[in-house]
């Protein structure tokens, strides 16, 4: 029996590219902002580009914040990408402090405070923290476009780091049923698709 992956629509863009990527991999998808549809799904993707504060406002208005938290509690797989990844954390300092979903303890901080050109746009390497979890070891460059980065309280959940010069930051996490990436795997070619595919396969999501 095929599984369904819901792509959470909270007016934050980037829906088209992730939906196409998942369909290319052979998954059954639906773009939706309907709580019941999301809860009935087997996995969800929280994509997004834009403002943390505006995104949280829309999530709360559509009551999707509670839906995502419940989805996490019932242990179904969640993929968070870029802004969708950042929203999983406790709070962000973008445009003043804004509370996030607090699914993961930690804060979202500005690259500019660390004298990093912002926004940071380009292809950067993933430095995998745990060698046993390495998926790609050669030419593992992925596409980034962001002005903020995540700082998890629990460093054990960090899956990869990335460096901009001498500055090192968390570029992805694995935590229980959650995989979060600061980069855009859906825009990173075959290597990015492999990361998405492995996460859902490892969590038992079947294709069409």
N, C-alpha and C. Protein backbone atom coordinates (compact mmCIF):
# COMPACT_ATOMS: atom_id res chain seq x y z
N UNK A 1 0.84 -1.20 0.00
CA UNK A 1 0.00 0.00 0.00
C UNK A 1 0.88 1.25 0.00
N UNK A 2 0.60 2.19 -0.91
CA UNK A 2 1.44 3.37 -1.02
C UNK A 2 1.19 4.31 0.16
N UNK A 3 2.24 5.01 0.55
CA UNK A 3 2.14 6.01 1.60
C UNK A 3 1.99 7.39 0.98
N UNK A 4 1.51 8.34 1.79
CA UNK A 4 1.36 9.71 1.30
C UNK A 4 2.21 10.66 2.14
N UNK A 5 2.91 11.56 1.44
CA UNK A 5 3.69 12.60 2.09
C UNK A 5 2.99 13.93 1.86
N UNK A 6 2.64 14.61 2.94
CA UNK A 6 2.02 15.93 2.82
C UNK A 6 3.10 17.01 2.88
N UNK A 7 3.02 17.94 1.95
CA UNK A 7 3.90 19.10 1.96
C UNK A 7 3.10 20.25 2.57
N UNK A 8 3.56 20.72 3.71
CA UNK A 8 2.80 21.71 4.48
C UNK A 8 2.84 23.08 3.79
N UNK A 9 1.68 23.57 3.44
CA UNK A 9 1.55 24.85 2.75
C UNK A 9 1.23 25.95 3.76
N UNK A 10 2.21 26.80 4.03
CA UNK A 10 1.97 27.92 4.94
C UNK A 10 2.42 29.23 4.28
N UNK A 11 2.22 29.27 2.96
CA UNK A 11 2.48 30.48 2.16
C UNK A 11 3.93 30.94 2.22
N UNK A 12 4.85 29.97 2.33
CA UNK A 12 6.26 30.33 2.44
C UNK A 12 7.08 29.94 1.22
N UNK A 13 6.41 29.58 0.13
CA UNK A 13 7.13 29.27 -1.10
C UNK A 13 7.87 27.96 -1.07
N UNK A 14 8.58 27.68 -2.17
CA UNK A 14 9.42 26.49 -2.32
C UNK A 14 8.62 25.20 -2.37
N UNK A 15 7.31 25.29 -2.58
CA UNK A 15 6.48 24.09 -2.62
C UNK A 15 6.69 23.32 -3.92
N UNK A 16 6.83 24.05 -5.01
CA UNK A 16 6.92 23.44 -6.34
C UNK A 16 8.15 22.53 -6.47
N UNK A 17 9.31 23.02 -6.02
CA UNK A 17 10.55 22.27 -6.20
C UNK A 17 10.59 21.00 -5.36
N UNK A 18 10.14 21.07 -4.11
CA UNK A 18 10.17 19.88 -3.27
C UNK A 18 9.12 18.88 -3.72
N UNK A 19 7.98 19.36 -4.18
CA UNK A 19 6.95 18.46 -4.67
C UNK A 19 7.45 17.72 -5.91
N UNK A 20 8.10 18.43 -6.81
CA UNK A 20 8.66 17.79 -8.00
C UNK A 20 9.74 16.78 -7.65
N UNK A 21 10.57 17.13 -6.67
CA UNK A 21 11.65 16.23 -6.27
C UNK A 21 11.09 14.92 -5.71
N UNK A 22 10.07 15.02 -4.88
CA UNK A 22 9.47 13.82 -4.28
C UNK A 22 8.77 12.97 -5.33
N UNK A 23 8.10 13.62 -6.28
CA UNK A 23 7.44 12.88 -7.35
C UNK A 23 8.48 12.17 -8.23
N UNK A 24 9.59 12.84 -8.48
CA UNK A 24 10.67 12.24 -9.27
C UNK A 24 11.21 10.99 -8.58
N UNK A 25 11.24 11.02 -7.25
CA UNK A 25 11.71 9.86 -6.48
C UNK A 25 10.67 8.75 -6.41
N UNK A 26 9.44 9.07 -6.81
CA UNK A 26 8.39 8.05 -6.85
C UNK A 26 7.43 8.05 -5.68
N UNK A 27 7.39 9.15 -4.91
CA UNK A 27 6.50 9.22 -3.75
C UNK A 27 5.16 9.85 -4.11
N UNK A 28 4.14 9.45 -3.38
CA UNK A 28 2.81 10.03 -3.51
C UNK A 28 2.73 11.24 -2.60
N UNK A 29 2.46 12.42 -3.17
CA UNK A 29 2.50 13.66 -2.39
C UNK A 29 1.20 14.45 -2.51
N UNK A 30 1.04 15.37 -1.55
CA UNK A 30 -0.07 16.31 -1.61
C UNK A 30 0.36 17.60 -0.91
N UNK A 31 0.17 18.71 -1.61
CA UNK A 31 0.44 20.02 -1.01
C UNK A 31 -0.84 20.47 -0.31
N UNK A 32 -0.76 20.75 0.98
CA UNK A 32 -1.98 21.03 1.73
C UNK A 32 -1.74 21.90 2.95
N UNK A 33 -2.79 22.63 3.34
CA UNK A 33 -2.76 23.35 4.61
C UNK A 33 -3.90 22.88 5.51
N UNK A 34 -4.46 21.73 5.20
CA UNK A 34 -5.59 21.19 5.95
C UNK A 34 -5.10 20.28 7.08
N UNK A 35 -5.38 20.63 8.32
CA UNK A 35 -4.90 19.85 9.47
C UNK A 35 -5.22 18.36 9.40
N UNK A 36 -6.44 18.02 9.07
CA UNK A 36 -6.83 16.60 9.04
C UNK A 36 -6.08 15.82 7.95
N UNK A 37 -5.88 16.46 6.80
CA UNK A 37 -5.13 15.82 5.72
C UNK A 37 -3.70 15.55 6.14
N UNK A 38 -3.10 16.53 6.82
CA UNK A 38 -1.72 16.38 7.28
C UNK A 38 -1.63 15.26 8.32
N UNK A 39 -2.54 15.23 9.26
CA UNK A 39 -2.51 14.21 10.31
C UNK A 39 -2.75 12.81 9.76
N UNK A 40 -3.48 12.72 8.65
CA UNK A 40 -3.75 11.41 8.04
C UNK A 40 -2.60 10.94 7.15
N UNK A 41 -1.60 11.80 6.94
CA UNK A 41 -0.46 11.44 6.10
C UNK A 41 0.52 10.55 6.85
N UNK A 42 1.41 9.93 6.08
CA UNK A 42 2.41 9.04 6.67
C UNK A 42 3.71 9.76 6.97
N UNK A 43 3.90 10.92 6.34
CA UNK A 43 5.10 11.74 6.56
C UNK A 43 4.77 13.15 6.10
N UNK A 44 5.53 14.14 6.59
CA UNK A 44 5.34 15.51 6.13
C UNK A 44 6.67 16.17 5.81
N UNK A 45 6.57 17.16 4.94
CA UNK A 45 7.71 18.03 4.63
C UNK A 45 7.30 19.45 4.98
N UNK A 46 8.18 20.14 5.71
CA UNK A 46 7.97 21.56 6.01
C UNK A 46 9.04 22.32 5.23
N UNK A 47 8.69 22.83 4.06
CA UNK A 47 9.67 23.56 3.25
C UNK A 47 9.65 25.04 3.64
N UNK A 48 10.19 25.90 2.79
CA UNK A 48 10.00 27.32 3.04
C UNK A 48 11.22 28.18 2.87
N UNK A 49 10.96 29.37 2.42
CA UNK A 49 11.95 30.45 2.39
C UNK A 49 11.23 31.70 2.89
N UNK A 50 11.96 32.60 3.52
CA UNK A 50 11.33 33.83 3.98
C UNK A 50 11.57 34.11 5.45
N UNK A 51 10.66 34.83 6.05
CA UNK A 51 10.79 35.34 7.41
C UNK A 51 10.26 34.35 8.46
N UNK A 52 11.04 34.12 9.49
CA UNK A 52 10.66 33.25 10.60
C UNK A 52 9.40 33.79 11.28
N UNK A 53 9.40 35.09 11.57
CA UNK A 53 8.28 35.70 12.29
C UNK A 53 6.97 35.58 11.50
N UNK A 54 7.04 35.90 10.20
CA UNK A 54 5.85 35.82 9.36
C UNK A 54 5.37 34.38 9.22
N UNK A 55 6.32 33.46 9.11
CA UNK A 55 5.96 32.04 8.96
C UNK A 55 5.25 31.52 10.19
N UNK A 56 5.76 31.85 11.38
CA UNK A 56 5.13 31.39 12.61
C UNK A 56 3.73 31.98 12.76
N UNK A 57 3.56 33.22 12.32
CA UNK A 57 2.24 33.86 12.39
C UNK A 57 1.23 33.10 11.54
N UNK A 58 1.65 32.69 10.35
CA UNK A 58 0.76 31.95 9.45
C UNK A 58 0.49 30.55 9.98
N UNK A 59 1.52 29.88 10.49
CA UNK A 59 1.33 28.55 11.05
C UNK A 59 0.30 28.57 12.18
N UNK A 60 0.39 29.58 13.03
CA UNK A 60 -0.56 29.68 14.14
C UNK A 60 -1.96 30.04 13.66
N UNK A 61 -2.03 30.93 12.68
CA UNK A 61 -3.33 31.33 12.14
C UNK A 61 -4.05 30.14 11.53
N UNK A 62 -3.30 29.27 10.84
CA UNK A 62 -3.89 28.09 10.21
C UNK A 62 -3.95 26.89 11.16
N UNK A 63 -3.46 27.11 12.40
CA UNK A 63 -3.43 26.07 13.43
C UNK A 63 -2.56 24.87 13.03
N UNK A 64 -1.56 25.17 12.21
CA UNK A 64 -0.65 24.13 11.75
C UNK A 64 0.48 23.87 12.74
N UNK A 65 0.72 24.82 13.65
CA UNK A 65 1.75 24.63 14.66
C UNK A 65 1.41 23.43 15.55
N UNK A 66 0.15 23.36 16.00
CA UNK A 66 -0.28 22.24 16.84
C UNK A 66 -0.31 20.93 16.06
N UNK A 67 -0.63 21.02 14.79
CA UNK A 67 -0.68 19.82 13.93
C UNK A 67 0.71 19.22 13.79
N UNK A 68 1.70 20.08 13.53
CA UNK A 68 3.08 19.60 13.37
C UNK A 68 3.59 18.98 14.67
N UNK A 69 3.32 19.62 15.79
CA UNK A 69 3.76 19.09 17.08
C UNK A 69 3.11 17.75 17.39
N UNK A 70 1.83 17.62 17.06
CA UNK A 70 1.16 16.34 17.28
C UNK A 70 1.73 15.27 16.36
N UNK A 71 2.04 15.66 15.13
CA UNK A 71 2.62 14.73 14.17
C UNK A 71 3.95 14.19 14.70
N UNK A 72 4.71 15.08 15.32
CA UNK A 72 5.98 14.68 15.92
C UNK A 72 5.76 13.71 17.08
N UNK A 73 4.77 13.99 17.91
CA UNK A 73 4.50 13.16 19.09
C UNK A 73 4.06 11.75 18.72
N UNK A 74 3.39 11.60 17.58
CA UNK A 74 2.94 10.26 17.18
C UNK A 74 4.00 9.56 16.33
N UNK A 75 5.19 10.18 16.28
CA UNK A 75 6.39 9.55 15.74
C UNK A 75 6.34 9.24 14.24
N UNK A 76 5.73 10.15 13.49
CA UNK A 76 5.76 10.02 12.03
C UNK A 76 6.88 10.91 11.49
N UNK A 77 7.52 10.50 10.38
CA UNK A 77 8.68 11.24 9.88
C UNK A 77 8.37 12.65 9.39
N UNK A 78 9.27 13.57 9.77
CA UNK A 78 9.17 14.98 9.40
C UNK A 78 10.48 15.41 8.75
N UNK A 79 10.37 16.03 7.57
CA UNK A 79 11.53 16.62 6.91
C UNK A 79 11.35 18.12 6.89
N UNK A 80 12.28 18.85 7.52
CA UNK A 80 12.23 20.31 7.52
C UNK A 80 13.37 20.87 6.69
N UNK A 81 13.05 21.78 5.77
CA UNK A 81 14.05 22.32 4.85
C UNK A 81 14.15 23.84 4.98
N UNK A 82 15.37 24.33 5.17
CA UNK A 82 15.68 25.76 5.23
C UNK A 82 14.82 26.45 6.30
N UNK A 83 13.92 27.35 5.93
CA UNK A 83 13.07 27.98 6.93
C UNK A 83 12.24 26.94 7.67
N UNK A 84 11.79 25.92 6.97
CA UNK A 84 11.02 24.84 7.60
C UNK A 84 11.82 24.11 8.65
N UNK A 85 13.13 24.05 8.48
CA UNK A 85 14.05 23.48 9.47
C UNK A 85 14.18 24.41 10.67
N UNK A 86 14.36 25.69 10.40
CA UNK A 86 14.55 26.67 11.48
C UNK A 86 13.32 26.78 12.38
N UNK A 87 12.14 26.65 11.80
CA UNK A 87 10.90 26.78 12.57
C UNK A 87 10.75 25.71 13.64
N UNK A 88 11.49 24.62 13.50
CA UNK A 88 11.40 23.52 14.47
C UNK A 88 12.03 23.89 15.81
N UNK A 89 12.83 24.96 15.83
CA UNK A 89 13.59 25.31 17.03
C UNK A 89 12.81 26.21 17.99
N UNK A 90 13.41 26.47 19.14
CA UNK A 90 12.74 27.20 20.21
C UNK A 90 12.41 28.64 19.85
N UNK A 91 13.40 29.35 19.29
CA UNK A 91 13.16 30.75 18.95
C UNK A 91 14.18 31.25 17.94
N UNK A 92 13.86 32.36 17.32
CA UNK A 92 14.75 32.99 16.34
C UNK A 92 14.94 34.45 16.70
N UNK A 93 16.12 34.99 16.39
CA UNK A 93 16.40 36.40 16.66
C UNK A 93 16.13 37.27 15.43
N UNK A 94 15.54 36.68 14.39
CA UNK A 94 15.23 37.45 13.20
C UNK A 94 14.10 38.45 13.48
N UNK A 95 14.34 39.76 13.22
CA UNK A 95 13.36 40.82 13.48
C UNK A 95 12.87 40.78 14.93
N UNK A 96 13.81 40.62 15.87
CA UNK A 96 13.45 40.49 17.28
C UNK A 96 13.16 39.04 17.60
N UNK A 97 13.14 38.71 18.87
CA UNK A 97 12.94 37.31 19.26
C UNK A 97 11.52 36.84 18.95
N UNK A 98 11.43 35.69 18.29
CA UNK A 98 10.15 35.08 17.97
C UNK A 98 10.19 33.62 18.37
N UNK A 99 9.19 33.16 19.10
CA UNK A 99 9.13 31.76 19.50
C UNK A 99 8.81 30.87 18.30
N UNK A 100 9.52 29.73 18.24
CA UNK A 100 9.28 28.77 17.19
C UNK A 100 8.42 27.62 17.69
N UNK A 101 8.48 26.50 17.01
CA UNK A 101 7.67 25.34 17.39
C UNK A 101 8.21 24.65 18.64
N UNK A 102 9.48 24.89 18.95
CA UNK A 102 10.13 24.31 20.13
C UNK A 102 10.11 22.78 20.11
N UNK A 103 10.09 22.23 18.92
CA UNK A 103 10.20 20.78 18.77
C UNK A 103 11.64 20.35 19.07
N UNK A 104 12.57 21.25 18.76
CA UNK A 104 13.99 21.04 19.05
C UNK A 104 14.48 22.21 19.89
N UNK A 105 15.13 21.93 21.00
CA UNK A 105 15.68 23.01 21.83
C UNK A 105 16.87 23.65 21.14
N UNK A 106 16.84 24.97 21.07
CA UNK A 106 17.93 25.69 20.43
C UNK A 106 17.43 26.97 19.80
N UNK A 107 18.36 27.78 19.31
CA UNK A 107 18.02 29.08 18.77
C UNK A 107 18.50 29.26 17.33
N UNK A 108 17.84 30.16 16.62
CA UNK A 108 18.23 30.53 15.28
C UNK A 108 18.95 31.88 15.36
N UNK A 109 20.18 31.91 14.85
CA UNK A 109 21.02 33.11 14.99
C UNK A 109 21.41 33.68 13.63
N UNK A 110 21.77 34.94 13.65
CA UNK A 110 22.11 35.66 12.42
C UNK A 110 23.56 35.41 12.01
N UNK A 111 23.76 35.13 10.72
CA UNK A 111 25.12 34.99 10.19
C UNK A 111 25.87 36.31 10.26
N UNK A 112 25.16 37.41 10.07
CA UNK A 112 25.78 38.74 10.04
C UNK A 112 26.48 39.07 11.35
N UNK A 113 25.95 38.55 12.47
CA UNK A 113 26.57 38.81 13.77
C UNK A 113 27.97 38.20 13.87
N UNK A 114 28.21 37.21 13.02
CA UNK A 114 29.52 36.54 13.02
C UNK A 114 30.35 37.00 11.82
N UNK A 115 29.95 38.16 11.27
CA UNK A 115 30.66 38.80 10.15
C UNK A 115 30.71 37.91 8.92
N UNK A 116 29.62 37.16 8.70
CA UNK A 116 29.48 36.35 7.50
C UNK A 116 28.54 37.08 6.55
N UNK A 117 28.94 37.17 5.28
CA UNK A 117 28.11 37.84 4.29
C UNK A 117 26.72 37.22 4.25
N UNK A 118 25.72 38.10 4.29
CA UNK A 118 24.35 37.61 4.38
C UNK A 118 23.49 38.32 3.33
N UNK A 119 22.67 37.57 2.56
CA UNK A 119 22.48 36.12 2.68
C UNK A 119 23.67 35.33 2.13
N UNK A 120 23.85 34.17 2.70
CA UNK A 120 24.87 33.25 2.22
C UNK A 120 24.25 32.39 1.12
N UNK A 121 24.76 32.53 -0.10
CA UNK A 121 24.23 31.80 -1.24
C UNK A 121 25.36 31.05 -1.93
N UNK A 122 25.15 29.77 -2.17
CA UNK A 122 26.16 29.00 -2.90
C UNK A 122 26.18 27.54 -2.52
N UNK A 123 27.16 26.84 -3.05
CA UNK A 123 27.32 25.40 -2.84
C UNK A 123 28.40 25.17 -1.80
N UNK A 124 28.04 24.46 -0.73
CA UNK A 124 28.97 24.21 0.36
C UNK A 124 28.97 22.73 0.75
N UNK A 125 30.07 22.33 1.31
CA UNK A 125 30.27 20.92 1.66
C UNK A 125 29.64 20.58 3.01
N UNK A 126 29.14 19.35 3.12
CA UNK A 126 28.68 18.84 4.40
C UNK A 126 29.81 18.08 5.06
N UNK A 127 30.05 18.39 6.32
CA UNK A 127 31.05 17.66 7.12
C UNK A 127 30.25 16.79 8.08
N UNK A 128 30.17 15.49 7.78
CA UNK A 128 29.34 14.61 8.58
C UNK A 128 29.98 14.37 9.94
N UNK A 129 29.17 14.57 10.98
CA UNK A 129 29.68 14.45 12.35
C UNK A 129 29.97 13.01 12.72
N UNK A 130 29.09 12.11 12.32
CA UNK A 130 29.23 10.69 12.67
C UNK A 130 29.58 9.90 11.42
N UNK A 131 30.80 9.38 11.36
CA UNK A 131 31.26 8.66 10.17
C UNK A 131 30.38 7.48 9.81
N UNK A 132 29.76 6.87 10.82
CA UNK A 132 28.91 5.70 10.58
C UNK A 132 27.64 6.07 9.81
N UNK A 133 27.29 7.34 9.85
CA UNK A 133 26.05 7.78 9.21
C UNK A 133 26.32 8.45 7.86
N UNK A 134 27.55 8.42 7.40
CA UNK A 134 27.86 9.06 6.13
C UNK A 134 27.07 8.42 5.00
N UNK A 135 26.50 9.25 4.16
CA UNK A 135 25.80 8.77 2.98
C UNK A 135 26.64 9.05 1.74
N UNK A 136 27.21 10.22 1.68
CA UNK A 136 28.04 10.63 0.55
C UNK A 136 29.36 11.15 1.10
N UNK A 137 30.46 10.67 0.54
CA UNK A 137 31.77 11.06 1.07
C UNK A 137 32.58 11.88 0.07
N UNK A 138 32.19 11.88 -1.21
CA UNK A 138 32.96 12.62 -2.22
C UNK A 138 32.05 13.63 -2.93
N UNK A 139 32.60 14.81 -3.19
CA UNK A 139 31.88 15.85 -3.92
C UNK A 139 30.51 16.14 -3.28
N UNK A 140 30.48 16.13 -1.95
CA UNK A 140 29.20 16.30 -1.26
C UNK A 140 28.91 17.79 -1.00
N UNK A 141 28.67 18.51 -2.08
CA UNK A 141 28.35 19.92 -2.00
C UNK A 141 26.84 20.11 -2.23
N UNK A 142 26.25 21.00 -1.43
CA UNK A 142 24.81 21.21 -1.48
C UNK A 142 24.50 22.70 -1.53
N UNK A 143 23.30 23.01 -2.01
CA UNK A 143 22.94 24.40 -2.27
C UNK A 143 22.32 25.07 -1.04
N UNK A 144 22.93 26.19 -0.65
CA UNK A 144 22.47 26.98 0.49
C UNK A 144 22.01 28.36 0.04
N UNK A 145 20.97 28.88 0.67
CA UNK A 145 20.59 30.28 0.55
C UNK A 145 19.90 30.66 1.86
N UNK A 146 20.63 31.38 2.72
CA UNK A 146 20.12 31.68 4.07
C UNK A 146 20.88 32.82 4.71
N UNK A 147 20.23 33.46 5.67
CA UNK A 147 20.84 34.54 6.43
C UNK A 147 20.99 34.19 7.91
N UNK A 148 20.39 33.07 8.30
CA UNK A 148 20.40 32.63 9.69
C UNK A 148 20.80 31.16 9.76
N UNK A 149 21.19 30.72 10.94
CA UNK A 149 21.59 29.32 11.12
C UNK A 149 21.10 28.82 12.47
N UNK A 150 20.99 27.52 12.59
CA UNK A 150 20.48 26.90 13.82
C UNK A 150 21.62 26.52 14.76
N UNK A 151 21.36 26.70 16.05
CA UNK A 151 22.31 26.29 17.09
C UNK A 151 21.57 25.39 18.08
N UNK A 152 21.57 24.07 17.83
CA UNK A 152 20.87 23.14 18.74
C UNK A 152 21.52 23.09 20.11
N UNK A 153 20.70 22.98 21.13
CA UNK A 153 21.23 22.85 22.49
C UNK A 153 21.93 21.51 22.66
N UNK A 154 21.33 20.46 22.11
CA UNK A 154 21.91 19.12 22.17
C UNK A 154 22.76 18.88 20.92
N UNK A 155 24.07 18.93 21.07
CA UNK A 155 24.97 18.78 19.93
C UNK A 155 24.96 17.36 19.35
N UNK A 156 24.44 16.41 20.12
CA UNK A 156 24.42 15.02 19.65
C UNK A 156 23.47 14.81 18.48
N UNK A 157 22.51 15.73 18.29
CA UNK A 157 21.56 15.55 17.20
C UNK A 157 22.08 16.12 15.88
N UNK A 158 23.22 16.80 15.92
CA UNK A 158 23.77 17.38 14.70
C UNK A 158 24.25 16.27 13.78
N UNK A 159 23.75 16.28 12.54
CA UNK A 159 24.11 15.28 11.54
C UNK A 159 25.28 15.76 10.70
N UNK A 160 25.32 17.06 10.40
CA UNK A 160 26.43 17.61 9.62
C UNK A 160 26.70 19.05 10.00
N UNK A 161 27.96 19.45 9.80
CA UNK A 161 28.37 20.83 9.90
C UNK A 161 28.73 21.33 8.50
N UNK A 162 28.82 22.65 8.38
CA UNK A 162 29.30 23.26 7.14
C UNK A 162 30.17 24.45 7.52
N UNK A 163 31.19 24.72 6.71
CA UNK A 163 32.08 25.84 6.98
C UNK A 163 31.97 26.92 5.93
N UNK A 164 31.95 28.18 6.40
CA UNK A 164 32.10 29.34 5.53
C UNK A 164 33.38 30.00 5.99
N UNK A 165 34.45 29.78 5.29
CA UNK A 165 35.76 30.21 5.76
C UNK A 165 36.11 29.44 7.02
N UNK A 166 36.36 30.14 8.12
CA UNK A 166 36.66 29.49 9.39
C UNK A 166 35.43 29.34 10.29
N UNK A 167 34.28 29.82 9.80
CA UNK A 167 33.06 29.76 10.59
C UNK A 167 32.34 28.44 10.33
N UNK A 168 32.06 27.70 11.41
CA UNK A 168 31.41 26.39 11.28
C UNK A 168 30.03 26.45 11.92
N UNK A 169 29.04 25.92 11.21
CA UNK A 169 27.68 25.94 11.74
C UNK A 169 26.96 24.62 11.45
N UNK A 170 25.92 24.37 12.20
CA UNK A 170 25.10 23.17 12.01
C UNK A 170 24.32 23.30 10.70
N UNK A 171 24.50 22.34 9.79
CA UNK A 171 23.80 22.40 8.51
C UNK A 171 22.71 21.34 8.38
N UNK A 172 22.67 20.38 9.32
CA UNK A 172 21.55 19.42 9.33
C UNK A 172 21.53 18.69 10.67
N UNK A 173 20.34 18.18 11.01
CA UNK A 173 20.17 17.43 12.25
C UNK A 173 19.35 16.17 11.98
N UNK A 174 19.57 15.18 12.81
CA UNK A 174 18.74 13.98 12.87
C UNK A 174 18.31 13.82 14.32
N UNK A 175 17.01 13.87 14.55
CA UNK A 175 16.50 13.81 15.92
C UNK A 175 15.20 13.02 15.92
N UNK A 176 15.25 11.84 16.52
CA UNK A 176 14.07 10.97 16.57
C UNK A 176 13.51 10.77 15.16
N UNK A 177 12.29 11.26 14.91
CA UNK A 177 11.65 11.08 13.61
C UNK A 177 11.81 12.31 12.70
N UNK A 178 12.80 13.15 13.01
CA UNK A 178 12.98 14.41 12.27
C UNK A 178 14.33 14.47 11.58
N UNK A 179 14.32 14.89 10.32
CA UNK A 179 15.54 15.22 9.59
C UNK A 179 15.38 16.67 9.15
N UNK A 180 16.30 17.52 9.56
CA UNK A 180 16.23 18.93 9.21
C UNK A 180 17.48 19.38 8.50
N UNK A 181 17.33 20.15 7.42
CA UNK A 181 18.48 20.62 6.65
C UNK A 181 18.42 22.13 6.44
N UNK A 182 19.54 22.81 6.68
CA UNK A 182 19.61 24.23 6.38
C UNK A 182 19.73 24.44 4.87
N UNK A 183 20.37 23.51 4.21
CA UNK A 183 20.52 23.58 2.75
C UNK A 183 19.25 23.06 2.07
N UNK A 184 19.23 23.17 0.75
CA UNK A 184 18.08 22.70 -0.04
C UNK A 184 18.45 21.40 -0.77
N UNK A 185 18.12 20.26 -0.20
CA UNK A 185 18.45 19.00 -0.89
C UNK A 185 17.71 18.84 -2.21
N UNK A 186 16.51 19.42 -2.29
CA UNK A 186 15.70 19.30 -3.52
C UNK A 186 16.28 20.13 -4.66
N UNK A 187 17.23 21.03 -4.34
CA UNK A 187 17.87 21.85 -5.37
C UNK A 187 19.36 21.51 -5.51
N UNK A 188 19.74 20.37 -4.95
CA UNK A 188 21.15 19.99 -4.91
C UNK A 188 21.48 18.79 -5.80
N UNK A 189 20.67 18.56 -6.81
CA UNK A 189 20.96 17.48 -7.75
C UNK A 189 20.75 16.10 -7.17
N UNK A 190 21.41 15.11 -7.79
CA UNK A 190 21.22 13.71 -7.42
C UNK A 190 21.61 13.44 -5.97
N UNK A 191 22.64 14.13 -5.47
CA UNK A 191 23.09 13.90 -4.10
C UNK A 191 22.03 14.34 -3.09
N UNK A 192 21.38 15.45 -3.39
CA UNK A 192 20.32 15.93 -2.52
C UNK A 192 19.12 15.01 -2.51
N UNK A 193 18.76 14.50 -3.69
CA UNK A 193 17.65 13.56 -3.78
C UNK A 193 17.95 12.29 -3.01
N UNK A 194 19.21 11.88 -3.02
CA UNK A 194 19.61 10.68 -2.28
C UNK A 194 19.38 10.85 -0.78
N UNK A 195 19.69 12.04 -0.26
CA UNK A 195 19.48 12.29 1.17
C UNK A 195 17.99 12.22 1.53
N UNK A 196 17.16 12.85 0.68
CA UNK A 196 15.71 12.81 0.91
C UNK A 196 15.20 11.38 0.86
N UNK A 197 15.62 10.67 -0.17
CA UNK A 197 15.15 9.30 -0.39
C UNK A 197 15.53 8.39 0.77
N UNK A 198 16.78 8.51 1.22
CA UNK A 198 17.25 7.64 2.30
C UNK A 198 16.48 7.89 3.59
N UNK A 199 16.18 9.16 3.88
CA UNK A 199 15.44 9.47 5.09
C UNK A 199 14.07 8.80 5.08
N UNK A 200 13.35 8.94 3.99
CA UNK A 200 12.00 8.36 3.94
C UNK A 200 12.02 6.84 3.86
N UNK A 201 12.99 6.28 3.15
CA UNK A 201 13.13 4.81 3.09
C UNK A 201 13.43 4.25 4.47
N UNK A 202 14.37 4.90 5.17
CA UNK A 202 14.75 4.46 6.52
C UNK A 202 13.57 4.53 7.49
N UNK A 203 12.60 5.39 7.18
CA UNK A 203 11.42 5.54 8.05
C UNK A 203 10.21 4.78 7.51
N UNK A 204 10.45 3.89 6.57
CA UNK A 204 9.41 2.99 6.13
C UNK A 204 8.38 3.56 5.17
N UNK A 205 8.68 4.70 4.53
CA UNK A 205 7.73 5.30 3.59
C UNK A 205 7.87 4.62 2.23
N UNK A 206 6.77 4.05 1.76
CA UNK A 206 6.77 3.33 0.50
C UNK A 206 6.41 4.25 -0.67
N UNK A 207 6.92 3.87 -1.83
CA UNK A 207 6.68 4.67 -3.04
C UNK A 207 5.45 4.15 -3.78
N UNK A 208 5.07 4.89 -4.81
CA UNK A 208 3.91 4.52 -5.61
C UNK A 208 4.16 3.20 -6.33
